[in-house]
N, C-alpha and C. Protein backbone atom coordinates (compact mmCIF):
# COMPACT_ATOMS: atom_id res chain seq x y z
N UNK A 1 47.71 -74.54 33.01
CA UNK A 1 48.20 -74.63 31.64
C UNK A 1 49.22 -73.53 31.37
N UNK A 2 50.30 -73.91 30.70
CA UNK A 2 51.32 -72.93 30.34
C UNK A 2 50.78 -71.97 29.27
N UNK A 3 51.27 -70.72 29.26
CA UNK A 3 50.77 -69.74 28.32
C UNK A 3 51.91 -69.01 27.61
N UNK A 4 52.89 -69.76 27.16
CA UNK A 4 54.00 -69.13 26.44
C UNK A 4 53.74 -69.06 24.94
N UNK A 5 52.70 -69.74 24.47
CA UNK A 5 52.30 -69.70 23.07
C UNK A 5 53.41 -70.14 22.12
N UNK A 6 54.07 -71.23 22.45
CA UNK A 6 55.05 -71.85 21.56
C UNK A 6 54.31 -72.93 20.78
N UNK A 7 53.86 -72.60 19.59
CA UNK A 7 52.98 -73.50 18.83
C UNK A 7 53.63 -74.84 18.55
N UNK A 8 54.88 -74.83 18.11
CA UNK A 8 55.55 -76.08 17.77
C UNK A 8 55.65 -77.00 18.98
N UNK A 9 56.05 -76.45 20.12
CA UNK A 9 56.18 -77.26 21.34
C UNK A 9 54.83 -77.78 21.80
N UNK A 10 53.81 -76.94 21.73
CA UNK A 10 52.47 -77.37 22.13
C UNK A 10 51.97 -78.51 21.24
N UNK A 11 52.21 -78.39 19.94
CA UNK A 11 51.77 -79.44 19.02
C UNK A 11 52.46 -80.77 19.32
N UNK A 12 53.75 -80.72 19.59
CA UNK A 12 54.50 -81.94 19.88
C UNK A 12 53.97 -82.61 21.14
N UNK A 13 53.75 -81.83 22.19
CA UNK A 13 53.25 -82.39 23.45
C UNK A 13 51.82 -82.89 23.28
N UNK A 14 51.01 -82.14 22.55
CA UNK A 14 49.63 -82.56 22.31
C UNK A 14 49.58 -83.89 21.58
N UNK A 15 50.37 -84.05 20.54
CA UNK A 15 50.37 -85.30 19.79
C UNK A 15 50.86 -86.46 20.64
N UNK A 16 51.80 -86.18 21.54
CA UNK A 16 52.32 -87.23 22.41
C UNK A 16 51.23 -87.75 23.34
N UNK A 17 50.53 -86.84 24.02
CA UNK A 17 49.50 -87.28 24.96
C UNK A 17 48.28 -87.84 24.23
N UNK A 18 47.98 -87.30 23.05
CA UNK A 18 46.85 -87.83 22.28
C UNK A 18 47.13 -89.25 21.83
N UNK A 19 48.34 -89.53 21.38
CA UNK A 19 48.70 -90.89 20.98
C UNK A 19 48.53 -91.86 22.15
N UNK A 20 48.93 -91.43 23.34
CA UNK A 20 48.76 -92.27 24.53
C UNK A 20 47.28 -92.52 24.81
N UNK A 21 46.49 -91.47 24.74
CA UNK A 21 45.06 -91.59 25.03
C UNK A 21 44.34 -92.46 24.01
N UNK A 22 44.73 -92.34 22.74
CA UNK A 22 44.05 -93.07 21.67
C UNK A 22 44.51 -94.51 21.56
N UNK A 23 45.53 -94.88 22.32
CA UNK A 23 46.09 -96.23 22.21
C UNK A 23 45.24 -97.29 22.89
N UNK A 24 44.24 -96.87 23.66
CA UNK A 24 43.37 -97.83 24.35
C UNK A 24 41.99 -97.21 24.57
N UNK A 25 40.99 -98.03 24.87
CA UNK A 25 39.64 -97.50 25.11
C UNK A 25 39.63 -96.56 26.32
N UNK A 26 38.58 -95.75 26.40
CA UNK A 26 38.44 -94.83 27.53
C UNK A 26 38.39 -95.60 28.84
N UNK A 27 39.10 -95.09 29.83
CA UNK A 27 39.18 -95.74 31.14
C UNK A 27 38.77 -94.77 32.24
N UNK A 28 38.55 -95.33 33.44
CA UNK A 28 38.09 -94.53 34.57
C UNK A 28 39.15 -94.34 35.65
N UNK A 29 40.34 -94.83 35.44
CA UNK A 29 41.39 -94.71 36.44
C UNK A 29 41.84 -93.26 36.58
N UNK A 30 42.40 -92.95 37.75
CA UNK A 30 42.88 -91.58 37.99
C UNK A 30 43.95 -91.20 36.98
N UNK A 31 44.82 -92.14 36.65
CA UNK A 31 45.88 -91.88 35.68
C UNK A 31 45.29 -91.56 34.31
N UNK A 32 44.27 -92.32 33.91
CA UNK A 32 43.65 -92.09 32.61
C UNK A 32 42.94 -90.74 32.56
N UNK A 33 42.23 -90.39 33.64
CA UNK A 33 41.52 -89.12 33.67
C UNK A 33 42.50 -87.94 33.60
N UNK A 34 43.62 -88.08 34.27
CA UNK A 34 44.64 -87.03 34.19
C UNK A 34 45.18 -86.90 32.76
N UNK A 35 45.34 -88.05 32.10
CA UNK A 35 45.81 -88.05 30.71
C UNK A 35 44.80 -87.36 29.80
N UNK A 36 43.52 -87.65 30.00
CA UNK A 36 42.48 -87.04 29.15
C UNK A 36 42.42 -85.53 29.38
N UNK A 37 42.64 -85.12 30.62
CA UNK A 37 42.69 -83.68 30.91
C UNK A 37 43.89 -83.05 30.20
N UNK A 38 45.01 -83.76 30.18
CA UNK A 38 46.19 -83.25 29.47
C UNK A 38 45.90 -83.10 27.98
N UNK A 39 45.15 -84.05 27.41
CA UNK A 39 44.77 -83.95 26.00
C UNK A 39 43.92 -82.69 25.78
N UNK A 40 42.95 -82.47 26.66
CA UNK A 40 42.09 -81.29 26.53
C UNK A 40 42.90 -80.00 26.66
N UNK A 41 43.84 -79.99 27.62
CA UNK A 41 44.71 -78.81 27.76
C UNK A 41 45.52 -78.59 26.49
N UNK A 42 45.99 -79.67 25.90
CA UNK A 42 46.73 -79.56 24.66
C UNK A 42 45.89 -78.96 23.55
N UNK A 43 44.64 -79.38 23.47
CA UNK A 43 43.73 -78.81 22.47
C UNK A 43 43.61 -77.30 22.64
N UNK A 44 43.44 -76.87 23.88
CA UNK A 44 43.29 -75.45 24.17
C UNK A 44 44.56 -74.68 23.82
N UNK A 45 45.69 -75.18 24.26
CA UNK A 45 46.94 -74.45 24.07
C UNK A 45 47.34 -74.38 22.60
N UNK A 46 47.13 -75.46 21.86
CA UNK A 46 47.44 -75.43 20.43
C UNK A 46 46.51 -74.46 19.70
N UNK A 47 45.23 -74.49 20.06
CA UNK A 47 44.27 -73.58 19.42
C UNK A 47 44.62 -72.12 19.71
N UNK A 48 44.92 -71.82 20.96
CA UNK A 48 45.25 -70.44 21.31
C UNK A 48 46.54 -69.98 20.63
N UNK A 49 47.53 -70.86 20.57
CA UNK A 49 48.79 -70.51 19.91
C UNK A 49 48.59 -70.34 18.41
N UNK A 50 47.73 -71.15 17.81
CA UNK A 50 47.45 -71.02 16.38
C UNK A 50 46.84 -69.66 16.08
N UNK A 51 45.92 -69.22 16.93
CA UNK A 51 45.31 -67.91 16.74
C UNK A 51 46.33 -66.80 16.95
N UNK A 52 47.15 -66.95 17.98
CA UNK A 52 48.14 -65.91 18.28
C UNK A 52 49.15 -65.78 17.14
N UNK A 53 49.59 -66.91 16.61
CA UNK A 53 50.62 -66.89 15.58
C UNK A 53 50.04 -66.86 14.17
N UNK A 54 48.70 -66.87 14.07
CA UNK A 54 48.01 -66.86 12.77
C UNK A 54 48.54 -67.97 11.87
N UNK A 55 48.57 -69.16 12.42
CA UNK A 55 49.11 -70.31 11.70
C UNK A 55 48.25 -71.54 12.00
N UNK A 56 47.91 -72.28 10.96
CA UNK A 56 47.15 -73.53 11.10
C UNK A 56 45.82 -73.33 11.83
N UNK A 57 45.21 -72.16 11.65
CA UNK A 57 43.93 -71.91 12.31
C UNK A 57 42.84 -72.85 11.79
N UNK A 58 43.01 -73.35 10.59
CA UNK A 58 42.03 -74.25 10.01
C UNK A 58 42.01 -75.61 10.71
N UNK A 59 42.97 -75.87 11.60
CA UNK A 59 43.00 -77.13 12.34
C UNK A 59 42.24 -77.05 13.66
N UNK A 60 41.77 -75.87 14.03
CA UNK A 60 41.14 -75.69 15.34
C UNK A 60 39.86 -76.50 15.48
N UNK A 61 39.09 -76.63 14.41
CA UNK A 61 37.85 -77.41 14.49
C UNK A 61 38.13 -78.87 14.82
N UNK A 62 39.18 -79.43 14.25
CA UNK A 62 39.52 -80.82 14.55
C UNK A 62 39.98 -80.96 16.00
N UNK A 63 40.66 -79.95 16.52
CA UNK A 63 41.03 -79.94 17.94
C UNK A 63 39.78 -79.93 18.81
N UNK A 64 38.78 -79.18 18.39
CA UNK A 64 37.53 -79.10 19.15
C UNK A 64 36.85 -80.45 19.23
N UNK A 65 36.86 -81.20 18.14
CA UNK A 65 36.22 -82.52 18.15
C UNK A 65 36.92 -83.46 19.13
N UNK A 66 38.23 -83.37 19.20
CA UNK A 66 38.98 -84.18 20.16
C UNK A 66 38.63 -83.74 21.58
N UNK A 67 38.61 -82.44 21.81
CA UNK A 67 38.28 -81.93 23.13
C UNK A 67 36.88 -82.36 23.56
N UNK A 68 35.92 -82.32 22.66
CA UNK A 68 34.56 -82.73 22.98
C UNK A 68 34.52 -84.18 23.45
N UNK A 69 35.28 -85.03 22.80
CA UNK A 69 35.31 -86.44 23.17
C UNK A 69 35.81 -86.63 24.59
N UNK A 70 36.93 -86.02 24.91
CA UNK A 70 37.54 -86.28 26.20
C UNK A 70 36.93 -85.44 27.32
N UNK A 71 36.50 -84.23 27.04
CA UNK A 71 35.86 -83.41 28.07
C UNK A 71 34.50 -83.99 28.46
N UNK A 72 33.79 -84.57 27.48
CA UNK A 72 32.51 -85.21 27.79
C UNK A 72 32.72 -86.41 28.71
N UNK A 73 33.83 -87.11 28.56
CA UNK A 73 34.15 -88.22 29.45
C UNK A 73 34.48 -87.70 30.85
N UNK A 74 35.25 -86.64 30.92
CA UNK A 74 35.61 -86.06 32.23
C UNK A 74 34.36 -85.56 32.97
N UNK A 75 33.37 -85.09 32.21
CA UNK A 75 32.15 -84.55 32.82
C UNK A 75 31.40 -85.59 33.64
N UNK A 76 31.68 -86.87 33.41
CA UNK A 76 31.00 -87.94 34.13
C UNK A 76 31.51 -88.09 35.56
N UNK A 77 32.61 -87.44 35.89
CA UNK A 77 33.24 -87.64 37.20
C UNK A 77 33.22 -86.33 38.00
N UNK A 78 32.61 -86.39 39.18
CA UNK A 78 32.43 -85.18 39.99
C UNK A 78 33.73 -84.42 40.22
N UNK A 79 34.78 -85.14 40.55
CA UNK A 79 36.04 -84.46 40.90
C UNK A 79 36.76 -83.87 39.69
N UNK A 80 36.27 -84.17 38.48
CA UNK A 80 36.88 -83.62 37.27
C UNK A 80 36.04 -82.49 36.65
N UNK A 81 34.95 -82.12 37.29
CA UNK A 81 34.04 -81.13 36.70
C UNK A 81 34.71 -79.77 36.51
N UNK A 82 35.42 -79.31 37.52
CA UNK A 82 36.08 -78.01 37.40
C UNK A 82 37.11 -78.01 36.28
N UNK A 83 37.84 -79.11 36.16
CA UNK A 83 38.84 -79.22 35.09
C UNK A 83 38.16 -79.23 33.72
N UNK A 84 37.06 -79.98 33.62
CA UNK A 84 36.34 -80.04 32.35
C UNK A 84 35.79 -78.67 31.98
N UNK A 85 35.26 -77.96 32.97
CA UNK A 85 34.72 -76.62 32.69
C UNK A 85 35.81 -75.66 32.23
N UNK A 86 36.97 -75.75 32.85
CA UNK A 86 38.04 -74.80 32.51
C UNK A 86 38.48 -74.94 31.06
N UNK A 87 38.60 -76.18 30.57
CA UNK A 87 39.07 -76.35 29.20
C UNK A 87 37.98 -76.05 28.18
N UNK A 88 36.75 -76.44 28.49
CA UNK A 88 35.65 -76.21 27.54
C UNK A 88 35.36 -74.71 27.41
N UNK A 89 35.29 -74.01 28.53
CA UNK A 89 34.98 -72.58 28.49
C UNK A 89 36.10 -71.80 27.82
N UNK A 90 37.33 -72.25 28.03
CA UNK A 90 38.47 -71.55 27.42
C UNK A 90 38.51 -71.81 25.91
N UNK A 91 38.16 -73.02 25.49
CA UNK A 91 38.19 -73.33 24.06
C UNK A 91 37.08 -72.59 23.32
N UNK A 92 36.02 -72.28 24.03
CA UNK A 92 34.90 -71.59 23.40
C UNK A 92 35.34 -70.32 22.68
N UNK A 93 36.32 -69.63 23.25
CA UNK A 93 36.81 -68.39 22.65
C UNK A 93 37.67 -68.63 21.41
N UNK A 94 38.09 -69.87 21.20
CA UNK A 94 38.98 -70.18 20.07
C UNK A 94 38.23 -70.62 18.82
N UNK A 95 37.01 -71.11 18.99
CA UNK A 95 36.30 -71.73 17.87
C UNK A 95 35.44 -70.72 17.14
N UNK A 96 35.71 -70.56 15.85
CA UNK A 96 34.94 -69.65 15.00
C UNK A 96 34.56 -70.36 13.70
N UNK A 97 33.56 -69.82 13.03
CA UNK A 97 33.19 -70.29 11.68
C UNK A 97 32.60 -71.70 11.66
N UNK A 98 32.23 -72.25 12.82
CA UNK A 98 31.66 -73.59 12.89
C UNK A 98 30.45 -73.58 13.83
N UNK A 99 29.32 -73.04 13.40
CA UNK A 99 28.18 -72.89 14.31
C UNK A 99 27.65 -74.20 14.89
N UNK A 100 27.62 -75.26 14.10
CA UNK A 100 27.10 -76.52 14.63
C UNK A 100 28.06 -77.13 15.64
N UNK A 101 29.32 -77.03 15.36
CA UNK A 101 30.32 -77.52 16.31
C UNK A 101 30.33 -76.65 17.57
N UNK A 102 30.17 -75.34 17.38
CA UNK A 102 30.11 -74.42 18.52
C UNK A 102 28.90 -74.74 19.39
N UNK A 103 27.79 -75.10 18.77
CA UNK A 103 26.60 -75.47 19.53
C UNK A 103 26.88 -76.68 20.41
N UNK A 104 27.56 -77.68 19.88
CA UNK A 104 27.91 -78.85 20.68
C UNK A 104 28.79 -78.46 21.87
N UNK A 105 29.71 -77.54 21.64
CA UNK A 105 30.60 -77.09 22.70
C UNK A 105 29.81 -76.35 23.78
N UNK A 106 28.91 -75.48 23.37
CA UNK A 106 28.08 -74.74 24.32
C UNK A 106 27.19 -75.68 25.12
N UNK A 107 26.64 -76.68 24.46
CA UNK A 107 25.76 -77.63 25.16
C UNK A 107 26.53 -78.45 26.18
N UNK A 108 27.76 -78.83 25.84
CA UNK A 108 28.58 -79.55 26.81
C UNK A 108 28.94 -78.64 27.98
N UNK A 109 29.27 -77.40 27.69
CA UNK A 109 29.60 -76.46 28.76
C UNK A 109 28.41 -76.27 29.70
N UNK A 110 27.21 -76.17 29.14
CA UNK A 110 26.02 -76.03 29.97
C UNK A 110 25.79 -77.28 30.82
N UNK A 111 26.00 -78.45 30.24
CA UNK A 111 25.83 -79.69 31.00
C UNK A 111 26.80 -79.73 32.18
N UNK A 112 28.02 -79.29 31.96
CA UNK A 112 29.01 -79.25 33.04
C UNK A 112 28.59 -78.27 34.12
N UNK A 113 28.14 -77.09 33.70
CA UNK A 113 27.69 -76.08 34.66
C UNK A 113 26.52 -76.60 35.48
N UNK A 114 25.58 -77.27 34.84
CA UNK A 114 24.43 -77.83 35.55
C UNK A 114 24.87 -78.89 36.56
N UNK A 115 25.85 -79.68 36.21
CA UNK A 115 26.37 -80.70 37.13
C UNK A 115 27.06 -80.03 38.32
N UNK A 116 27.79 -78.96 38.06
CA UNK A 116 28.45 -78.23 39.15
C UNK A 116 27.40 -77.61 40.07
N UNK A 117 26.35 -77.05 39.48
CA UNK A 117 25.26 -76.48 40.28
C UNK A 117 24.63 -77.53 41.18
N UNK A 118 24.35 -78.70 40.61
CA UNK A 118 23.72 -79.77 41.39
C UNK A 118 24.64 -80.26 42.50
N UNK A 119 25.91 -80.32 42.20
CA UNK A 119 26.89 -80.82 43.18
C UNK A 119 27.00 -79.89 44.38
N UNK A 120 26.92 -78.59 44.11
CA UNK A 120 27.10 -77.60 45.19
C UNK A 120 25.79 -76.96 45.64
N UNK A 121 24.67 -77.39 45.04
CA UNK A 121 23.36 -76.86 45.38
C UNK A 121 23.35 -75.33 45.30
N UNK A 122 23.87 -74.83 44.19
CA UNK A 122 23.99 -73.38 44.02
C UNK A 122 23.91 -73.05 42.53
N UNK A 123 23.03 -72.12 42.16
CA UNK A 123 22.89 -71.74 40.76
C UNK A 123 24.01 -70.81 40.33
N UNK A 124 24.46 -70.98 39.10
CA UNK A 124 25.51 -70.14 38.53
C UNK A 124 24.91 -69.25 37.44
N UNK A 125 25.20 -67.97 37.51
CA UNK A 125 24.62 -67.03 36.55
C UNK A 125 25.07 -67.32 35.12
N UNK A 126 26.24 -67.95 34.97
CA UNK A 126 26.76 -68.22 33.63
C UNK A 126 25.83 -69.14 32.85
N UNK A 127 25.05 -69.95 33.56
CA UNK A 127 24.13 -70.86 32.88
C UNK A 127 23.12 -70.10 32.03
N UNK A 128 22.68 -68.94 32.52
CA UNK A 128 21.71 -68.14 31.77
C UNK A 128 22.29 -67.66 30.44
N UNK A 129 23.54 -67.23 30.47
CA UNK A 129 24.18 -66.76 29.24
C UNK A 129 24.36 -67.92 28.25
N UNK A 130 24.71 -69.09 28.77
CA UNK A 130 24.87 -70.25 27.90
C UNK A 130 23.54 -70.64 27.27
N UNK A 131 22.47 -70.63 28.05
CA UNK A 131 21.15 -70.96 27.53
C UNK A 131 20.73 -69.98 26.43
N UNK A 132 21.04 -68.71 26.64
CA UNK A 132 20.72 -67.69 25.64
C UNK A 132 21.48 -67.94 24.34
N UNK A 133 22.78 -68.21 24.46
CA UNK A 133 23.60 -68.45 23.27
C UNK A 133 23.16 -69.72 22.55
N UNK A 134 22.85 -70.76 23.31
CA UNK A 134 22.40 -72.02 22.71
C UNK A 134 21.10 -71.80 21.94
N UNK A 135 20.20 -71.05 22.52
CA UNK A 135 18.93 -70.76 21.85
C UNK A 135 19.16 -70.01 20.54
N UNK A 136 20.05 -69.02 20.57
CA UNK A 136 20.35 -68.25 19.36
C UNK A 136 20.97 -69.14 18.29
N UNK A 137 21.92 -69.97 18.68
CA UNK A 137 22.57 -70.85 17.71
C UNK A 137 21.56 -71.82 17.10
N UNK A 138 20.68 -72.36 17.91
CA UNK A 138 19.68 -73.30 17.39
C UNK A 138 18.76 -72.61 16.39
N UNK A 139 18.33 -71.40 16.71
CA UNK A 139 17.44 -70.66 15.80
C UNK A 139 18.14 -70.38 14.48
N UNK A 140 19.34 -69.85 14.55
CA UNK A 140 20.05 -69.49 13.32
C UNK A 140 20.38 -70.71 12.47
N UNK A 141 20.74 -71.81 13.11
CA UNK A 141 21.02 -73.04 12.37
C UNK A 141 19.74 -73.55 11.70
N UNK A 142 18.62 -73.45 12.41
CA UNK A 142 17.34 -73.85 11.82
C UNK A 142 17.04 -73.01 10.58
N UNK A 143 17.21 -71.70 10.70
CA UNK A 143 16.95 -70.83 9.55
C UNK A 143 17.88 -71.17 8.39
N UNK A 144 19.15 -71.42 8.70
CA UNK A 144 20.12 -71.76 7.64
C UNK A 144 19.76 -73.07 6.97
N UNK A 145 19.34 -74.04 7.75
CA UNK A 145 19.01 -75.36 7.21
C UNK A 145 17.72 -75.34 6.39
N UNK A 146 16.91 -74.30 6.58
CA UNK A 146 15.63 -74.21 5.87
C UNK A 146 15.60 -73.04 4.89
N UNK A 147 16.79 -72.64 4.42
CA UNK A 147 16.91 -71.60 3.40
C UNK A 147 16.20 -70.30 3.77
N UNK A 148 16.27 -69.93 5.05
CA UNK A 148 15.70 -68.67 5.52
C UNK A 148 16.83 -67.76 6.02
N UNK A 149 17.79 -67.51 5.14
CA UNK A 149 18.98 -66.76 5.55
C UNK A 149 18.65 -65.34 5.99
N UNK A 150 17.59 -64.76 5.44
CA UNK A 150 17.22 -63.40 5.82
C UNK A 150 16.71 -63.32 7.26
N UNK A 151 16.35 -64.46 7.84
CA UNK A 151 15.84 -64.48 9.22
C UNK A 151 16.94 -64.67 10.25
N UNK A 152 18.16 -64.92 9.80
CA UNK A 152 19.26 -65.18 10.72
C UNK A 152 19.63 -63.91 11.48
N UNK A 153 19.75 -64.07 12.80
CA UNK A 153 20.09 -62.94 13.67
C UNK A 153 21.59 -62.70 13.66
N UNK A 154 21.98 -61.45 13.52
CA UNK A 154 23.39 -61.10 13.56
C UNK A 154 23.92 -61.21 14.99
N UNK A 155 25.16 -61.62 15.13
CA UNK A 155 25.81 -61.71 16.43
C UNK A 155 27.10 -60.90 16.40
N UNK A 156 27.73 -60.73 17.53
CA UNK A 156 29.01 -60.03 17.55
C UNK A 156 28.88 -58.62 18.08
N UNK A 157 29.78 -57.75 17.65
CA UNK A 157 29.90 -56.41 18.21
C UNK A 157 29.58 -55.34 17.18
N UNK A 158 28.48 -55.51 16.47
CA UNK A 158 28.04 -54.48 15.54
C UNK A 158 28.37 -54.74 14.09
N UNK A 159 29.41 -55.53 13.81
CA UNK A 159 29.78 -55.83 12.44
C UNK A 159 28.89 -56.95 11.90
N UNK A 160 28.39 -56.77 10.70
CA UNK A 160 27.54 -57.78 10.09
C UNK A 160 28.38 -58.86 9.41
N UNK A 161 27.86 -60.09 9.45
CA UNK A 161 28.52 -61.22 8.79
C UNK A 161 27.55 -61.80 7.77
N UNK A 162 28.08 -62.36 6.72
CA UNK A 162 27.26 -63.00 5.70
C UNK A 162 26.52 -64.18 6.32
N UNK A 163 25.18 -64.23 6.24
CA UNK A 163 24.43 -65.34 6.82
C UNK A 163 24.83 -66.71 6.26
N UNK A 164 25.51 -66.74 5.11
CA UNK A 164 25.95 -68.02 4.56
C UNK A 164 26.88 -68.74 5.53
N UNK A 165 27.47 -67.99 6.46
CA UNK A 165 28.38 -68.58 7.43
C UNK A 165 27.66 -69.50 8.43
N UNK A 166 26.34 -69.50 8.41
CA UNK A 166 25.56 -70.40 9.26
C UNK A 166 25.15 -71.67 8.53
N UNK A 167 25.43 -71.77 7.25
CA UNK A 167 24.98 -72.93 6.48
C UNK A 167 25.87 -74.15 6.71
N UNK A 168 25.28 -75.32 6.49
CA UNK A 168 26.03 -76.56 6.65
C UNK A 168 27.16 -76.65 5.62
N UNK A 169 26.90 -76.17 4.41
CA UNK A 169 27.93 -76.24 3.37
C UNK A 169 29.14 -75.41 3.75
N UNK A 170 28.91 -74.21 4.29
CA UNK A 170 30.02 -73.38 4.76
C UNK A 170 30.86 -74.16 5.78
N UNK A 171 30.18 -74.75 6.73
CA UNK A 171 30.89 -75.45 7.80
C UNK A 171 31.67 -76.65 7.26
N UNK A 172 31.17 -77.25 6.19
CA UNK A 172 31.85 -78.40 5.59
C UNK A 172 33.15 -78.01 4.90
N UNK A 173 33.19 -76.81 4.33
CA UNK A 173 34.33 -76.47 3.46
C UNK A 173 35.25 -75.39 4.02
N UNK A 174 34.87 -74.70 5.09
CA UNK A 174 35.63 -73.53 5.52
C UNK A 174 37.06 -73.89 5.93
N UNK A 175 37.26 -75.05 6.55
CA UNK A 175 38.62 -75.41 6.96
C UNK A 175 39.52 -75.63 5.74
N UNK A 176 38.99 -76.29 4.73
CA UNK A 176 39.77 -76.50 3.51
C UNK A 176 40.02 -75.16 2.81
N UNK A 177 39.02 -74.29 2.80
CA UNK A 177 39.20 -72.97 2.19
C UNK A 177 40.29 -72.18 2.92
N UNK A 178 40.28 -72.24 4.24
CA UNK A 178 41.30 -71.51 5.00
C UNK A 178 42.68 -72.15 4.87
N UNK A 179 42.71 -73.46 4.70
CA UNK A 179 44.00 -74.12 4.45
C UNK A 179 44.57 -73.64 3.12
N UNK A 180 43.72 -73.59 2.11
CA UNK A 180 44.14 -73.10 0.80
C UNK A 180 44.59 -71.64 0.87
N UNK A 181 43.86 -70.85 1.64
CA UNK A 181 44.19 -69.43 1.79
C UNK A 181 45.53 -69.25 2.49
N UNK A 182 45.73 -70.01 3.56
CA UNK A 182 46.99 -69.91 4.29
C UNK A 182 48.17 -70.31 3.41
N UNK A 183 47.99 -71.34 2.62
CA UNK A 183 49.06 -71.77 1.71
C UNK A 183 49.37 -70.68 0.69
N UNK A 184 48.33 -70.04 0.19
CA UNK A 184 48.50 -68.99 -0.82
C UNK A 184 49.24 -67.78 -0.24
N UNK A 185 49.01 -67.49 1.04
CA UNK A 185 49.55 -66.28 1.65
C UNK A 185 50.73 -66.55 2.59
N UNK A 186 51.30 -67.74 2.52
CA UNK A 186 52.33 -68.12 3.50
C UNK A 186 53.54 -67.20 3.49
N UNK A 187 53.84 -66.59 2.35
CA UNK A 187 55.00 -65.69 2.27
C UNK A 187 54.60 -64.22 2.28
N UNK A 188 53.35 -63.96 2.57
CA UNK A 188 52.84 -62.59 2.54
C UNK A 188 53.03 -61.94 3.91
N UNK A 189 53.57 -60.72 3.99
CA UNK A 189 53.74 -60.04 5.28
C UNK A 189 52.40 -59.83 5.97
N UNK A 190 52.35 -60.06 7.28
CA UNK A 190 51.09 -59.97 8.01
C UNK A 190 51.01 -58.67 8.79
N UNK A 191 51.09 -57.58 8.07
CA UNK A 191 51.00 -56.27 8.70
C UNK A 191 49.68 -55.60 8.37
N UNK A 192 49.72 -54.28 8.31
CA UNK A 192 48.52 -53.50 8.00
C UNK A 192 47.96 -53.91 6.63
N UNK A 193 46.66 -54.09 6.59
CA UNK A 193 46.00 -54.42 5.34
C UNK A 193 45.97 -55.90 5.01
N UNK A 194 46.59 -56.73 5.86
CA UNK A 194 46.63 -58.16 5.56
C UNK A 194 45.23 -58.76 5.49
N UNK A 195 44.31 -58.24 6.32
CA UNK A 195 42.96 -58.81 6.36
C UNK A 195 42.30 -58.76 4.98
N UNK A 196 42.56 -57.70 4.22
CA UNK A 196 41.93 -57.57 2.91
C UNK A 196 42.45 -58.64 1.94
N UNK A 197 43.75 -58.89 1.99
CA UNK A 197 44.32 -59.95 1.17
C UNK A 197 43.80 -61.31 1.57
N UNK A 198 43.67 -61.51 2.88
CA UNK A 198 43.14 -62.78 3.38
C UNK A 198 41.71 -63.00 2.91
N UNK A 199 40.87 -61.98 3.07
CA UNK A 199 39.47 -62.13 2.66
C UNK A 199 39.36 -62.38 1.16
N UNK A 200 40.19 -61.71 0.38
CA UNK A 200 40.15 -61.89 -1.08
C UNK A 200 40.48 -63.33 -1.45
N UNK A 201 41.55 -63.86 -0.87
CA UNK A 201 41.95 -65.24 -1.17
C UNK A 201 40.94 -66.23 -0.62
N UNK A 202 40.37 -65.91 0.53
CA UNK A 202 39.36 -66.80 1.11
C UNK A 202 38.13 -66.86 0.21
N UNK A 203 37.72 -65.72 -0.32
CA UNK A 203 36.59 -65.69 -1.24
C UNK A 203 36.84 -66.59 -2.44
N UNK A 204 38.03 -66.50 -3.01
CA UNK A 204 38.37 -67.31 -4.18
C UNK A 204 38.36 -68.79 -3.83
N UNK A 205 38.91 -69.14 -2.68
CA UNK A 205 38.95 -70.54 -2.26
C UNK A 205 37.54 -71.07 -2.04
N UNK A 206 36.71 -70.28 -1.37
CA UNK A 206 35.33 -70.71 -1.11
C UNK A 206 34.56 -70.87 -2.41
N UNK A 207 34.80 -69.97 -3.36
CA UNK A 207 34.11 -70.06 -4.65
C UNK A 207 34.46 -71.37 -5.36
N UNK A 208 35.72 -71.77 -5.27
CA UNK A 208 36.13 -73.04 -5.86
C UNK A 208 35.42 -74.22 -5.20
N UNK A 209 35.06 -74.04 -3.93
CA UNK A 209 34.40 -75.10 -3.17
C UNK A 209 32.88 -74.95 -3.18
N UNK A 210 32.38 -74.05 -4.00
CA UNK A 210 30.94 -73.93 -4.20
C UNK A 210 30.20 -73.01 -3.25
N UNK A 211 30.92 -72.12 -2.57
CA UNK A 211 30.27 -71.19 -1.63
C UNK A 211 30.57 -69.76 -2.05
N UNK A 212 29.52 -68.97 -2.24
CA UNK A 212 29.67 -67.54 -2.53
C UNK A 212 29.57 -66.80 -1.20
N UNK A 213 30.63 -66.11 -0.84
CA UNK A 213 30.73 -65.46 0.48
C UNK A 213 31.00 -63.97 0.32
N UNK A 214 30.27 -63.17 1.06
CA UNK A 214 30.50 -61.74 1.10
C UNK A 214 31.38 -61.42 2.31
N UNK A 215 32.53 -60.83 2.06
CA UNK A 215 33.50 -60.57 3.12
C UNK A 215 33.04 -59.39 3.98
N UNK A 216 33.71 -59.15 5.12
CA UNK A 216 33.31 -58.06 6.02
C UNK A 216 33.24 -56.68 5.37
N UNK A 217 34.11 -56.39 4.41
CA UNK A 217 34.04 -55.08 3.75
C UNK A 217 32.76 -54.94 2.93
N UNK A 218 32.30 -56.03 2.34
CA UNK A 218 31.06 -56.00 1.57
C UNK A 218 29.84 -55.93 2.48
N UNK A 219 29.93 -56.59 3.63
CA UNK A 219 28.81 -56.61 4.56
C UNK A 219 28.72 -55.33 5.39
N UNK A 220 29.83 -54.60 5.47
CA UNK A 220 29.87 -53.40 6.32
C UNK A 220 30.45 -52.21 5.54
N UNK A 221 29.74 -51.76 4.51
CA UNK A 221 30.26 -50.64 3.70
C UNK A 221 30.47 -49.40 4.55
N UNK A 222 31.59 -48.75 4.32
CA UNK A 222 31.90 -47.54 5.07
C UNK A 222 32.73 -47.79 6.32
N UNK A 223 32.86 -49.06 6.71
CA UNK A 223 33.68 -49.39 7.88
C UNK A 223 35.13 -49.55 7.46
N UNK A 224 36.03 -48.99 8.25
CA UNK A 224 37.46 -49.07 7.95
C UNK A 224 38.06 -50.30 8.62
N UNK A 225 38.76 -51.12 7.86
CA UNK A 225 39.47 -52.28 8.39
C UNK A 225 40.95 -52.09 8.11
N UNK A 226 41.81 -52.37 9.13
CA UNK A 226 43.25 -52.20 8.89
C UNK A 226 43.90 -53.53 8.57
């Protein structure tokens, strides 16, 4: 996969191959499988470029749903397992703020790893990390779905996040909230201190959509954010 991070070019190529793939039912031919892999690569490259350029990040979840569809199909074919693993594992780093969708991605990645293990009769240590993450996601989602937000385990590198981010309602509205936020800040310089303006506008957008969210500065008093 190319890594020049040209978002516009990646989007154009992604839409081209996706239109081709969506024009007919899923097929098993070598040509079709290569096309589906191209679609998955497009999902990855557009997502990575969106993060790099801080643009259209709210579209990443929809890219993930497309990737899940086609990567799951590739997983059925032994000779496509390595390709499927490469795109799924790479996309994992792009998806944020969608715990249920992330769980589906992790479960597909584990299924691919297990198939690779069976094919080569060799255990992969990465499977243990995936199982651990899947277990954590399932527990936290269970707590969120049963109004036990205080029981949700914090993840990440020491910074606390509002447990509301594990709720189904958050996941339903966060993309629209971020779209609204991006539109509000489209002419705002993205230098030092931008994160504070982003969080402020995101809070307002989420409130309009019925979610009360505590931003990182509220969750981590005394921590300096630039």
